[in-house]
Each structure stands twice: as C-alpha cells, then as structure tokens.
Amino acid sequence: MGFGVNIVTGDYSRGAAGIWIENGELTFPVEEVTIAGNLKEMLKEIKMVGNDLGFRDRISAPTLKIEKMIVSGE
C-alpha cells in the first residue's frame, strides 16, 4: 500500500483496506483501494469516533466515521 503526504499543503494519498458499509450494515471486505484528500479537511469531516482503540506497532487509532472522502479502486 502506497503512501504520500505533502506536509506543506496537507494533501495525502494512502493505500487502504477495510469493510464496506452500506445503509449502516457491514457488507463486504475491500482491499487495494486508495484514499486521498487533505488532512485538515478530513479532520473537519470526522462525525463519530469509535471506542475500539487498537494498539498496532507505533500507530494507534480508533475507528473513525468520516462523512466525505475520495476512495478509488476496483
């Protein structure tokens, strides 16, 4: 999974995997997708924060619900 961020503008692109949610239901796993946008704008779009904080290596984060985000892939 690729990763790129412009620390001056906050623009980013990142490979991702997860679960597709449709009508509030977990529907199917997704892999090899790319999310892209601007970090400042993404933080403004956080609508919910989960209580499932997980500790993985050096990075830890709970599940976030982000209202709008660019996602591409097959």
N, C-alpha and C. Protein backbone atom coordinates (compact mmCIF):
# COMPACT_ATOMS: atom_id res chain seq x y z
N MET A 1 0.84 -1.17 0.00
CA MET A 1 0.00 0.00 0.00
C MET A 1 0.88 1.23 0.00
N GLY A 2 0.63 2.10 -0.93
CA GLY A 2 1.46 3.30 -1.06
C GLY A 2 1.05 4.38 -0.08
N PHE A 3 1.92 5.37 0.07
CA PHE A 3 1.64 6.46 0.98
C PHE A 3 2.34 7.70 0.50
N GLY A 4 1.67 8.82 0.54
CA GLY A 4 2.29 10.09 0.20
C GLY A 4 1.55 11.21 0.89
N VAL A 5 2.30 12.15 1.45
CA VAL A 5 1.68 13.32 2.08
C VAL A 5 2.56 14.53 1.83
N ASN A 6 1.93 15.64 1.51
CA ASN A 6 2.62 16.91 1.36
C ASN A 6 2.46 17.64 2.69
N ILE A 7 3.55 17.76 3.45
CA ILE A 7 3.45 18.34 4.79
C ILE A 7 3.17 19.85 4.76
N VAL A 8 3.36 20.49 3.62
CA VAL A 8 3.06 21.92 3.50
C VAL A 8 1.57 22.14 3.29
N THR A 9 0.97 21.40 2.34
CA THR A 9 -0.44 21.60 2.00
C THR A 9 -1.39 20.69 2.77
N GLY A 10 -0.89 19.55 3.27
CA GLY A 10 -1.74 18.57 3.94
C GLY A 10 -2.39 17.58 3.01
N ASP A 11 -2.11 17.68 1.71
CA ASP A 11 -2.68 16.73 0.75
C ASP A 11 -2.04 15.36 0.95
N TYR A 12 -2.84 14.30 0.82
CA TYR A 12 -2.31 12.96 1.05
C TYR A 12 -2.97 11.96 0.11
N SER A 13 -2.32 10.82 -0.01
CA SER A 13 -2.85 9.67 -0.72
C SER A 13 -2.31 8.44 0.00
N ARG A 14 -3.20 7.47 0.26
CA ARG A 14 -2.80 6.32 1.07
C ARG A 14 -3.56 5.08 0.64
N GLY A 15 -2.85 3.97 0.53
CA GLY A 15 -3.50 2.70 0.28
C GLY A 15 -4.25 2.26 1.53
N ALA A 16 -5.36 1.55 1.34
CA ALA A 16 -6.18 1.15 2.49
C ALA A 16 -6.90 -0.16 2.23
N ALA A 17 -7.36 -0.75 3.30
CA ALA A 17 -8.21 -1.95 3.27
C ALA A 17 -9.20 -1.80 4.41
N GLY A 18 -10.35 -2.42 4.29
CA GLY A 18 -11.33 -2.31 5.35
C GLY A 18 -12.60 -3.04 5.01
N ILE A 19 -13.71 -2.54 5.53
CA ILE A 19 -15.01 -3.15 5.30
C ILE A 19 -15.95 -2.09 4.74
N TRP A 20 -16.63 -2.43 3.64
CA TRP A 20 -17.59 -1.53 3.01
C TRP A 20 -18.85 -1.50 3.85
N ILE A 21 -19.32 -0.28 4.17
CA ILE A 21 -20.54 -0.13 4.94
C ILE A 21 -21.59 0.50 4.04
N GLU A 22 -22.74 -0.16 3.95
CA GLU A 22 -23.83 0.34 3.12
C GLU A 22 -25.12 0.29 3.92
N ASN A 23 -25.83 1.42 3.99
CA ASN A 23 -27.06 1.52 4.78
C ASN A 23 -26.84 1.08 6.23
N GLY A 24 -25.68 1.41 6.78
CA GLY A 24 -25.38 1.10 8.17
C GLY A 24 -24.98 -0.34 8.44
N GLU A 25 -24.87 -1.16 7.40
CA GLU A 25 -24.53 -2.57 7.55
C GLU A 25 -23.14 -2.86 6.98
N LEU A 26 -22.37 -3.71 7.66
CA LEU A 26 -21.09 -4.19 7.13
C LEU A 26 -21.43 -5.14 5.99
N THR A 27 -20.94 -4.84 4.77
CA THR A 27 -21.37 -5.65 3.63
C THR A 27 -20.29 -6.57 3.08
N PHE A 28 -19.08 -6.07 2.86
CA PHE A 28 -18.02 -6.93 2.33
C PHE A 28 -16.66 -6.29 2.55
N PRO A 29 -15.60 -7.11 2.60
CA PRO A 29 -14.25 -6.56 2.77
C PRO A 29 -13.77 -5.89 1.49
N VAL A 30 -12.97 -4.84 1.63
CA VAL A 30 -12.36 -4.17 0.48
C VAL A 30 -10.85 -4.14 0.68
N GLU A 31 -10.13 -4.33 -0.40
CA GLU A 31 -8.67 -4.31 -0.39
C GLU A 31 -8.19 -3.51 -1.59
N GLU A 32 -6.94 -3.10 -1.53
CA GLU A 32 -6.29 -2.41 -2.63
C GLU A 32 -7.09 -1.20 -3.12
N VAL A 33 -7.54 -0.38 -2.17
CA VAL A 33 -8.18 0.88 -2.52
C VAL A 33 -7.25 2.01 -2.09
N THR A 34 -7.48 3.18 -2.63
CA THR A 34 -6.69 4.35 -2.28
C THR A 34 -7.63 5.42 -1.74
N ILE A 35 -7.26 6.02 -0.62
CA ILE A 35 -7.99 7.17 -0.11
C ILE A 35 -7.10 8.39 -0.33
N ALA A 36 -7.72 9.52 -0.63
CA ALA A 36 -6.94 10.72 -0.91
C ALA A 36 -7.73 11.94 -0.45
N GLY A 37 -7.03 13.01 -0.18
CA GLY A 37 -7.69 14.24 0.23
C GLY A 37 -6.72 15.18 0.91
N ASN A 38 -7.25 15.98 1.81
CA ASN A 38 -6.47 16.96 2.56
C ASN A 38 -6.70 16.69 4.05
N LEU A 39 -5.62 16.58 4.81
CA LEU A 39 -5.72 16.22 6.23
C LEU A 39 -6.60 17.19 7.02
N LYS A 40 -6.46 18.49 6.79
CA LYS A 40 -7.26 19.47 7.51
C LYS A 40 -8.75 19.28 7.19
N GLU A 41 -9.06 19.09 5.91
CA GLU A 41 -10.45 18.88 5.51
C GLU A 41 -10.99 17.56 6.05
N MET A 42 -10.15 16.51 6.06
CA MET A 42 -10.57 15.22 6.57
C MET A 42 -10.94 15.32 8.05
N LEU A 43 -10.12 16.01 8.83
CA LEU A 43 -10.40 16.16 10.26
C LEU A 43 -11.72 16.89 10.50
N LYS A 44 -12.07 17.82 9.63
CA LYS A 44 -13.35 18.52 9.74
C LYS A 44 -14.53 17.59 9.47
N GLU A 45 -14.29 16.51 8.72
CA GLU A 45 -15.35 15.60 8.32
C GLU A 45 -15.56 14.43 9.29
N ILE A 46 -14.80 14.37 10.40
CA ILE A 46 -14.99 13.30 11.38
C ILE A 46 -16.33 13.52 12.08
N LYS A 47 -17.22 12.52 11.97
CA LYS A 47 -18.55 12.62 12.56
C LYS A 47 -18.72 11.73 13.79
N MET A 48 -17.94 10.65 13.86
CA MET A 48 -18.03 9.74 15.01
C MET A 48 -16.65 9.15 15.29
N VAL A 49 -16.39 8.86 16.56
CA VAL A 49 -15.15 8.21 16.97
C VAL A 49 -15.53 6.95 17.74
N GLY A 50 -14.99 5.80 17.31
CA GLY A 50 -15.31 4.53 17.96
C GLY A 50 -14.62 4.37 19.30
N ASN A 51 -15.07 3.39 20.07
CA ASN A 51 -14.46 3.08 21.36
C ASN A 51 -13.57 1.85 21.26
N ASP A 52 -13.02 1.62 20.06
CA ASP A 52 -12.25 0.41 19.78
C ASP A 52 -10.76 0.70 19.53
N LEU A 53 -10.21 1.62 20.33
CA LEU A 53 -8.80 1.96 20.16
C LEU A 53 -7.95 0.70 20.16
N GLY A 54 -7.19 0.52 19.08
CA GLY A 54 -6.33 -0.65 18.97
C GLY A 54 -4.87 -0.23 18.89
N PHE A 55 -4.01 -0.93 19.59
CA PHE A 55 -2.59 -0.61 19.58
C PHE A 55 -1.89 -1.55 18.61
N ARG A 56 -1.37 -0.96 17.52
CA ARG A 56 -0.69 -1.73 16.48
C ARG A 56 0.67 -1.07 16.21
N ASP A 57 1.70 -1.76 16.52
CA ASP A 57 3.05 -1.22 16.29
C ASP A 57 3.18 0.17 16.88
N ARG A 58 3.60 1.14 16.05
CA ARG A 58 3.82 2.51 16.53
C ARG A 58 2.59 3.39 16.36
N ILE A 59 1.59 2.92 15.62
CA ILE A 59 0.42 3.74 15.31
C ILE A 59 -0.81 3.15 15.97
N SER A 60 -1.58 3.99 16.66
CA SER A 60 -2.80 3.54 17.31
C SER A 60 -3.92 4.51 16.98
N ALA A 61 -5.10 3.96 16.70
CA ALA A 61 -6.25 4.81 16.39
C ALA A 61 -7.53 4.02 16.53
N PRO A 62 -8.61 4.69 16.93
CA PRO A 62 -9.91 4.03 16.94
C PRO A 62 -10.53 4.12 15.54
N THR A 63 -11.64 3.45 15.35
CA THR A 63 -12.40 3.59 14.11
C THR A 63 -12.98 5.00 14.05
N LEU A 64 -12.92 5.62 12.86
CA LEU A 64 -13.48 6.95 12.66
C LEU A 64 -14.53 6.90 11.57
N LYS A 65 -15.61 7.66 11.75
CA LYS A 65 -16.58 7.84 10.67
C LYS A 65 -16.29 9.19 10.06
N ILE A 66 -15.89 9.17 8.79
CA ILE A 66 -15.58 10.40 8.07
C ILE A 66 -16.67 10.59 7.02
N GLU A 67 -17.35 11.72 7.07
CA GLU A 67 -18.53 11.95 6.24
C GLU A 67 -18.24 11.88 4.75
N LYS A 68 -17.17 12.53 4.29
CA LYS A 68 -16.85 12.54 2.86
C LYS A 68 -15.36 12.27 2.68
N MET A 69 -15.04 11.43 1.69
CA MET A 69 -13.65 11.10 1.40
C MET A 69 -13.56 10.54 -0.01
N ILE A 70 -12.47 10.82 -0.69
CA ILE A 70 -12.25 10.26 -2.02
C ILE A 70 -11.68 8.86 -1.87
N VAL A 71 -12.35 7.88 -2.46
CA VAL A 71 -11.91 6.48 -2.44
C VAL A 71 -11.89 5.99 -3.87
N SER A 72 -10.79 5.34 -4.26
CA SER A 72 -10.73 4.78 -5.61
C SER A 72 -10.19 3.36 -5.56
N GLY A 73 -10.54 2.58 -6.53
CA GLY A 73 -10.10 1.19 -6.62
C GLY A 73 -11.15 0.36 -7.33
N GLU A 74 -10.93 -0.93 -7.37
CA GLU A 74 -11.89 -1.81 -8.06
C GLU A 74 -12.68 -2.62 -7.06
